[in-house]
């Protein structure tokens, strides 16, 4: 469940999806370590899981999210074109970090 902005330097609570940007990451075969993936998903070890993260309006105007199954969420400047490859408002990734748009 999303409770706050995914930027660790931001304390903006998530109340509703009116502002900011929601990111969706599809994970295949989650296993440990599960960085930034809820323990319930890691413990069940399903063949497929979806996790969501949110950047508030202020953070989403400056940053984008990247995700790697082993390292977890990564905040990247939205002007960093190399880091943005594969990222968009809604993202799907698998364990090998390949991205679908």
N, C-alpha and C. Protein backbone atom coordinates (compact mmCIF):
# COMPACT_ATOMS: atom_id res chain seq x y z
N UNK A 1 0.83 -1.17 0.00
CA UNK A 1 0.00 0.00 0.00
C UNK A 1 0.88 1.25 0.00
N UNK A 2 0.55 2.19 -0.81
CA UNK A 2 1.31 3.43 -0.91
C UNK A 2 0.91 4.34 0.24
N UNK A 3 1.89 4.82 1.00
CA UNK A 3 1.57 5.70 2.11
C UNK A 3 2.22 7.08 1.98
N UNK A 4 3.28 7.17 1.16
CA UNK A 4 3.97 8.44 1.01
C UNK A 4 4.77 8.44 -0.30
N UNK A 5 5.32 9.61 -0.60
CA UNK A 5 6.14 9.78 -1.80
C UNK A 5 7.33 8.82 -1.75
N UNK A 6 7.70 8.24 -2.89
CA UNK A 6 8.80 7.28 -2.96
C UNK A 6 10.17 7.94 -2.80
N UNK A 7 10.22 9.25 -2.89
CA UNK A 7 11.48 9.96 -2.68
C UNK A 7 11.78 9.95 -1.18
N UNK A 8 12.88 9.33 -0.75
CA UNK A 8 13.17 9.23 0.68
C UNK A 8 13.39 10.59 1.34
N UNK A 9 13.69 11.63 0.55
CA UNK A 9 13.90 12.97 1.10
C UNK A 9 12.60 13.76 1.20
N UNK A 10 11.49 13.18 0.81
CA UNK A 10 10.20 13.86 0.80
C UNK A 10 9.28 13.19 1.83
N UNK A 11 8.49 13.99 2.52
CA UNK A 11 7.58 13.44 3.53
C UNK A 11 6.12 13.58 3.12
N UNK A 12 5.86 13.91 1.86
CA UNK A 12 4.49 14.13 1.39
C UNK A 12 3.68 12.84 1.50
N UNK A 13 2.58 12.85 2.27
CA UNK A 13 1.75 11.64 2.38
C UNK A 13 0.87 11.47 1.14
N UNK A 14 0.57 10.22 0.82
CA UNK A 14 -0.32 9.91 -0.30
C UNK A 14 -1.74 9.83 0.24
N UNK A 15 -2.62 10.71 -0.29
CA UNK A 15 -4.03 10.69 0.12
C UNK A 15 -4.93 10.26 -1.02
N UNK A 16 -4.61 10.71 -2.22
CA UNK A 16 -5.40 10.37 -3.38
C UNK A 16 -4.56 10.62 -4.62
N UNK A 17 -4.95 10.04 -5.72
CA UNK A 17 -4.15 10.14 -6.94
C UNK A 17 -4.61 11.34 -7.77
N UNK A 18 -4.50 12.51 -7.23
CA UNK A 18 -4.83 13.71 -7.98
C UNK A 18 -3.56 14.41 -8.45
N UNK A 19 -2.52 14.36 -7.66
CA UNK A 19 -1.27 14.99 -8.02
C UNK A 19 -0.14 13.98 -8.01
N UNK A 20 0.87 14.25 -8.74
CA UNK A 20 2.03 13.36 -8.77
C UNK A 20 1.91 12.32 -9.87
N UNK A 21 2.73 11.30 -9.74
CA UNK A 21 2.80 10.26 -10.77
C UNK A 21 2.91 8.90 -10.11
N UNK A 22 2.07 7.98 -10.56
CA UNK A 22 2.05 6.62 -10.06
C UNK A 22 2.88 5.73 -10.98
N UNK A 23 3.72 4.90 -10.40
CA UNK A 23 4.56 3.98 -11.16
C UNK A 23 4.15 2.56 -10.83
N UNK A 24 4.03 1.75 -11.85
CA UNK A 24 3.68 0.34 -11.70
C UNK A 24 4.84 -0.50 -12.19
N UNK A 25 5.26 -1.45 -11.36
CA UNK A 25 6.34 -2.36 -11.72
C UNK A 25 5.82 -3.78 -11.62
N UNK A 26 5.86 -4.52 -12.72
CA UNK A 26 5.47 -5.93 -12.73
C UNK A 26 6.73 -6.76 -12.54
N UNK A 27 6.69 -7.66 -11.58
CA UNK A 27 7.85 -8.47 -11.23
C UNK A 27 7.53 -9.93 -11.50
N UNK A 28 8.45 -10.62 -12.14
CA UNK A 28 8.27 -12.06 -12.34
C UNK A 28 9.15 -12.81 -11.37
N UNK A 29 8.62 -13.84 -10.78
CA UNK A 29 9.33 -14.73 -9.85
C UNK A 29 10.10 -13.98 -8.76
N UNK A 30 9.42 -13.19 -7.94
CA UNK A 30 10.15 -12.48 -6.88
C UNK A 30 10.76 -13.45 -5.88
N UNK A 31 12.02 -13.26 -5.58
CA UNK A 31 12.74 -14.06 -4.59
C UNK A 31 13.54 -13.09 -3.72
N UNK A 32 14.10 -13.58 -2.66
CA UNK A 32 14.90 -12.70 -1.81
C UNK A 32 16.25 -12.47 -2.46
N UNK A 33 16.91 -11.35 -2.29
CA UNK A 33 16.40 -10.20 -1.56
C UNK A 33 15.37 -9.43 -2.38
N UNK A 34 14.42 -8.88 -1.71
CA UNK A 34 13.34 -8.14 -2.36
C UNK A 34 13.41 -6.68 -1.93
N UNK A 35 14.35 -5.96 -2.43
CA UNK A 35 14.49 -4.55 -2.07
C UNK A 35 13.27 -3.75 -2.50
N UNK A 36 12.66 -3.04 -1.55
CA UNK A 36 11.50 -2.18 -1.78
C UNK A 36 10.24 -2.93 -2.21
N UNK A 37 10.25 -4.25 -2.11
CA UNK A 37 9.06 -5.04 -2.42
C UNK A 37 8.48 -5.52 -1.09
N UNK A 38 7.17 -5.36 -0.87
CA UNK A 38 6.59 -5.76 0.41
C UNK A 38 6.93 -7.20 0.79
N UNK A 39 7.19 -7.42 2.08
CA UNK A 39 7.56 -8.75 2.58
C UNK A 39 6.51 -9.80 2.24
N UNK A 40 5.23 -9.42 2.24
CA UNK A 40 4.17 -10.38 1.94
C UNK A 40 4.36 -10.99 0.56
N UNK A 41 4.80 -10.19 -0.40
CA UNK A 41 5.03 -10.70 -1.76
C UNK A 41 6.24 -11.62 -1.75
N UNK A 42 7.32 -11.21 -1.10
CA UNK A 42 8.53 -12.04 -1.08
C UNK A 42 8.28 -13.37 -0.37
N UNK A 43 7.51 -13.33 0.72
CA UNK A 43 7.24 -14.56 1.46
C UNK A 43 6.39 -15.54 0.68
N UNK A 44 5.43 -15.04 -0.11
CA UNK A 44 4.56 -15.91 -0.90
C UNK A 44 5.26 -16.46 -2.14
N UNK A 45 6.26 -15.73 -2.63
CA UNK A 45 7.02 -16.11 -3.83
C UNK A 45 6.11 -16.48 -5.01
N UNK A 46 5.21 -15.57 -5.40
CA UNK A 46 4.33 -15.85 -6.53
C UNK A 46 5.13 -15.83 -7.84
N UNK A 47 4.54 -16.34 -8.89
CA UNK A 47 5.22 -16.31 -10.19
C UNK A 47 5.19 -14.91 -10.80
N UNK A 48 4.28 -14.07 -10.31
CA UNK A 48 4.14 -12.72 -10.85
C UNK A 48 3.56 -11.82 -9.76
N UNK A 49 4.05 -10.61 -9.65
CA UNK A 49 3.53 -9.65 -8.68
C UNK A 49 3.63 -8.25 -9.27
N UNK A 50 2.79 -7.36 -8.77
CA UNK A 50 2.80 -5.96 -9.19
C UNK A 50 2.97 -5.10 -7.95
N UNK A 51 3.90 -4.15 -8.02
CA UNK A 51 4.09 -3.19 -6.93
C UNK A 51 3.94 -1.79 -7.50
N UNK A 52 3.44 -0.90 -6.67
CA UNK A 52 3.21 0.48 -7.08
C UNK A 52 4.00 1.43 -6.18
N UNK A 53 4.50 2.50 -6.79
CA UNK A 53 5.17 3.56 -6.06
C UNK A 53 4.65 4.88 -6.61
N UNK A 54 4.70 5.92 -5.79
CA UNK A 54 4.15 7.22 -6.16
C UNK A 54 5.16 8.30 -5.87
N UNK A 55 5.31 9.24 -6.81
CA UNK A 55 6.07 10.46 -6.59
C UNK A 55 5.07 11.60 -6.51
N UNK A 56 5.17 12.44 -5.49
CA UNK A 56 4.26 13.57 -5.35
C UNK A 56 4.46 14.55 -6.51
N UNK A 57 3.57 15.50 -6.64
CA UNK A 57 3.64 16.46 -7.74
C UNK A 57 4.96 17.21 -7.81
N UNK A 58 5.45 17.65 -6.67
CA UNK A 58 6.70 18.40 -6.64
C UNK A 58 7.88 17.52 -7.05
N UNK A 59 7.95 16.31 -6.51
CA UNK A 59 9.06 15.40 -6.84
C UNK A 59 8.97 14.90 -8.28
N UNK A 60 7.75 14.63 -8.76
CA UNK A 60 7.61 14.10 -10.13
C UNK A 60 7.95 15.15 -11.18
N UNK A 61 7.95 16.43 -10.80
CA UNK A 61 8.35 17.46 -11.76
C UNK A 61 9.87 17.51 -11.93
N UNK A 62 10.60 16.91 -10.97
CA UNK A 62 12.06 16.93 -11.01
C UNK A 62 12.69 15.55 -11.20
N UNK A 63 11.95 14.50 -10.80
CA UNK A 63 12.52 13.15 -10.78
C UNK A 63 11.63 12.13 -11.48
N UNK A 64 12.24 11.00 -11.74
CA UNK A 64 11.55 9.84 -12.27
C UNK A 64 12.01 8.65 -11.41
N UNK A 65 11.31 7.54 -11.51
CA UNK A 65 11.70 6.35 -10.76
C UNK A 65 12.25 5.29 -11.68
N UNK A 66 13.25 4.61 -11.23
CA UNK A 66 13.76 3.42 -11.88
C UNK A 66 13.64 2.29 -10.87
N UNK A 67 13.59 1.06 -11.34
CA UNK A 67 13.45 -0.07 -10.43
C UNK A 67 14.31 -1.22 -10.91
N UNK A 68 15.01 -1.80 -9.97
CA UNK A 68 15.79 -3.01 -10.20
C UNK A 68 15.41 -3.94 -9.06
N UNK A 69 15.09 -5.17 -9.37
CA UNK A 69 14.56 -6.09 -8.36
C UNK A 69 15.49 -6.23 -7.16
N UNK A 70 16.78 -6.31 -7.37
CA UNK A 70 17.71 -6.52 -6.27
C UNK A 70 18.07 -5.23 -5.53
N UNK A 71 18.11 -4.11 -6.24
CA UNK A 71 18.49 -2.83 -5.61
C UNK A 71 17.28 -2.00 -5.19
N UNK A 72 16.12 -2.29 -5.74
CA UNK A 72 14.91 -1.57 -5.39
C UNK A 72 14.73 -0.29 -6.19
N UNK A 73 14.00 0.64 -5.60
CA UNK A 73 13.65 1.90 -6.25
C UNK A 73 14.86 2.81 -6.33
N UNK A 74 14.95 3.52 -7.44
CA UNK A 74 16.03 4.46 -7.68
C UNK A 74 15.42 5.76 -8.15
N UNK A 75 15.74 6.86 -7.49
CA UNK A 75 15.26 8.19 -7.87
C UNK A 75 16.28 8.76 -8.86
N UNK A 76 15.82 9.17 -10.03
CA UNK A 76 16.72 9.73 -11.04
C UNK A 76 16.20 11.08 -11.49
N UNK A 77 17.10 12.02 -11.75
CA UNK A 77 16.66 13.32 -12.26
C UNK A 77 15.94 13.14 -13.59
N UNK A 78 14.84 13.85 -13.77
CA UNK A 78 14.06 13.68 -15.00
C UNK A 78 14.80 14.20 -16.23
N UNK A 79 15.86 14.97 -16.05
CA UNK A 79 16.63 15.45 -17.19
C UNK A 79 17.75 14.49 -17.58
N UNK A 80 18.01 13.47 -16.77
CA UNK A 80 19.05 12.50 -17.05
C UNK A 80 18.53 11.48 -18.05
N UNK A 81 18.78 11.70 -19.34
CA UNK A 81 18.21 10.87 -20.40
C UNK A 81 18.68 9.42 -20.31
N UNK A 82 19.92 9.19 -19.89
CA UNK A 82 20.40 7.81 -19.81
C UNK A 82 19.67 7.06 -18.71
N UNK A 83 19.49 7.70 -17.58
CA UNK A 83 18.83 7.04 -16.47
C UNK A 83 17.34 6.85 -16.75
N UNK A 84 16.76 7.70 -17.59
CA UNK A 84 15.34 7.62 -17.88
C UNK A 84 15.01 6.53 -18.88
N UNK A 85 15.97 5.99 -19.56
CA UNK A 85 15.67 4.96 -20.54
C UNK A 85 14.85 3.86 -19.89
N UNK A 86 13.71 3.58 -20.47
CA UNK A 86 12.86 2.54 -19.93
C UNK A 86 11.91 3.02 -18.86
N UNK A 87 11.96 4.30 -18.48
CA UNK A 87 11.04 4.78 -17.46
C UNK A 87 9.98 5.66 -18.10
N UNK A 88 8.81 5.62 -17.54
CA UNK A 88 7.66 6.39 -18.01
C UNK A 88 6.69 6.48 -16.85
N UNK A 89 5.60 7.24 -16.97
CA UNK A 89 4.67 7.33 -15.85
C UNK A 89 4.18 5.99 -15.34
N UNK A 90 4.00 5.03 -16.22
CA UNK A 90 3.63 3.68 -15.80
C UNK A 90 4.64 2.74 -16.41
N UNK A 91 5.26 1.93 -15.56
CA UNK A 91 6.38 1.10 -16.00
C UNK A 91 6.13 -0.35 -15.62
N UNK A 92 6.55 -1.25 -16.47
CA UNK A 92 6.53 -2.68 -16.14
C UNK A 92 7.95 -3.20 -16.30
N UNK A 93 8.44 -3.93 -15.29
CA UNK A 93 9.76 -4.51 -15.37
C UNK A 93 9.73 -5.94 -14.87
N UNK A 94 10.74 -6.70 -15.23
CA UNK A 94 10.86 -8.04 -14.68
C UNK A 94 12.20 -8.15 -13.95
N UNK A 95 12.54 -9.33 -13.47
CA UNK A 95 13.77 -9.51 -12.70
C UNK A 95 15.02 -9.09 -13.46
N UNK A 96 15.01 -9.24 -14.77
CA UNK A 96 16.19 -8.88 -15.54
C UNK A 96 16.23 -7.40 -15.83
N UNK A 97 15.29 -6.63 -15.28
CA UNK A 97 15.21 -5.18 -15.43
C UNK A 97 14.93 -4.74 -16.86
N UNK A 98 14.35 -5.61 -17.68
CA UNK A 98 13.93 -5.16 -18.99
C UNK A 98 12.62 -4.41 -18.81
N UNK A 99 12.43 -3.36 -19.59
CA UNK A 99 11.30 -2.47 -19.40
C UNK A 99 10.32 -2.56 -20.58
N UNK A 100 9.05 -2.52 -20.26
CA UNK A 100 8.01 -2.45 -21.27
C UNK A 100 7.32 -1.12 -21.13
N UNK A 101 7.00 -0.48 -22.23
CA UNK A 101 6.30 0.82 -22.15
C UNK A 101 4.84 0.62 -22.43
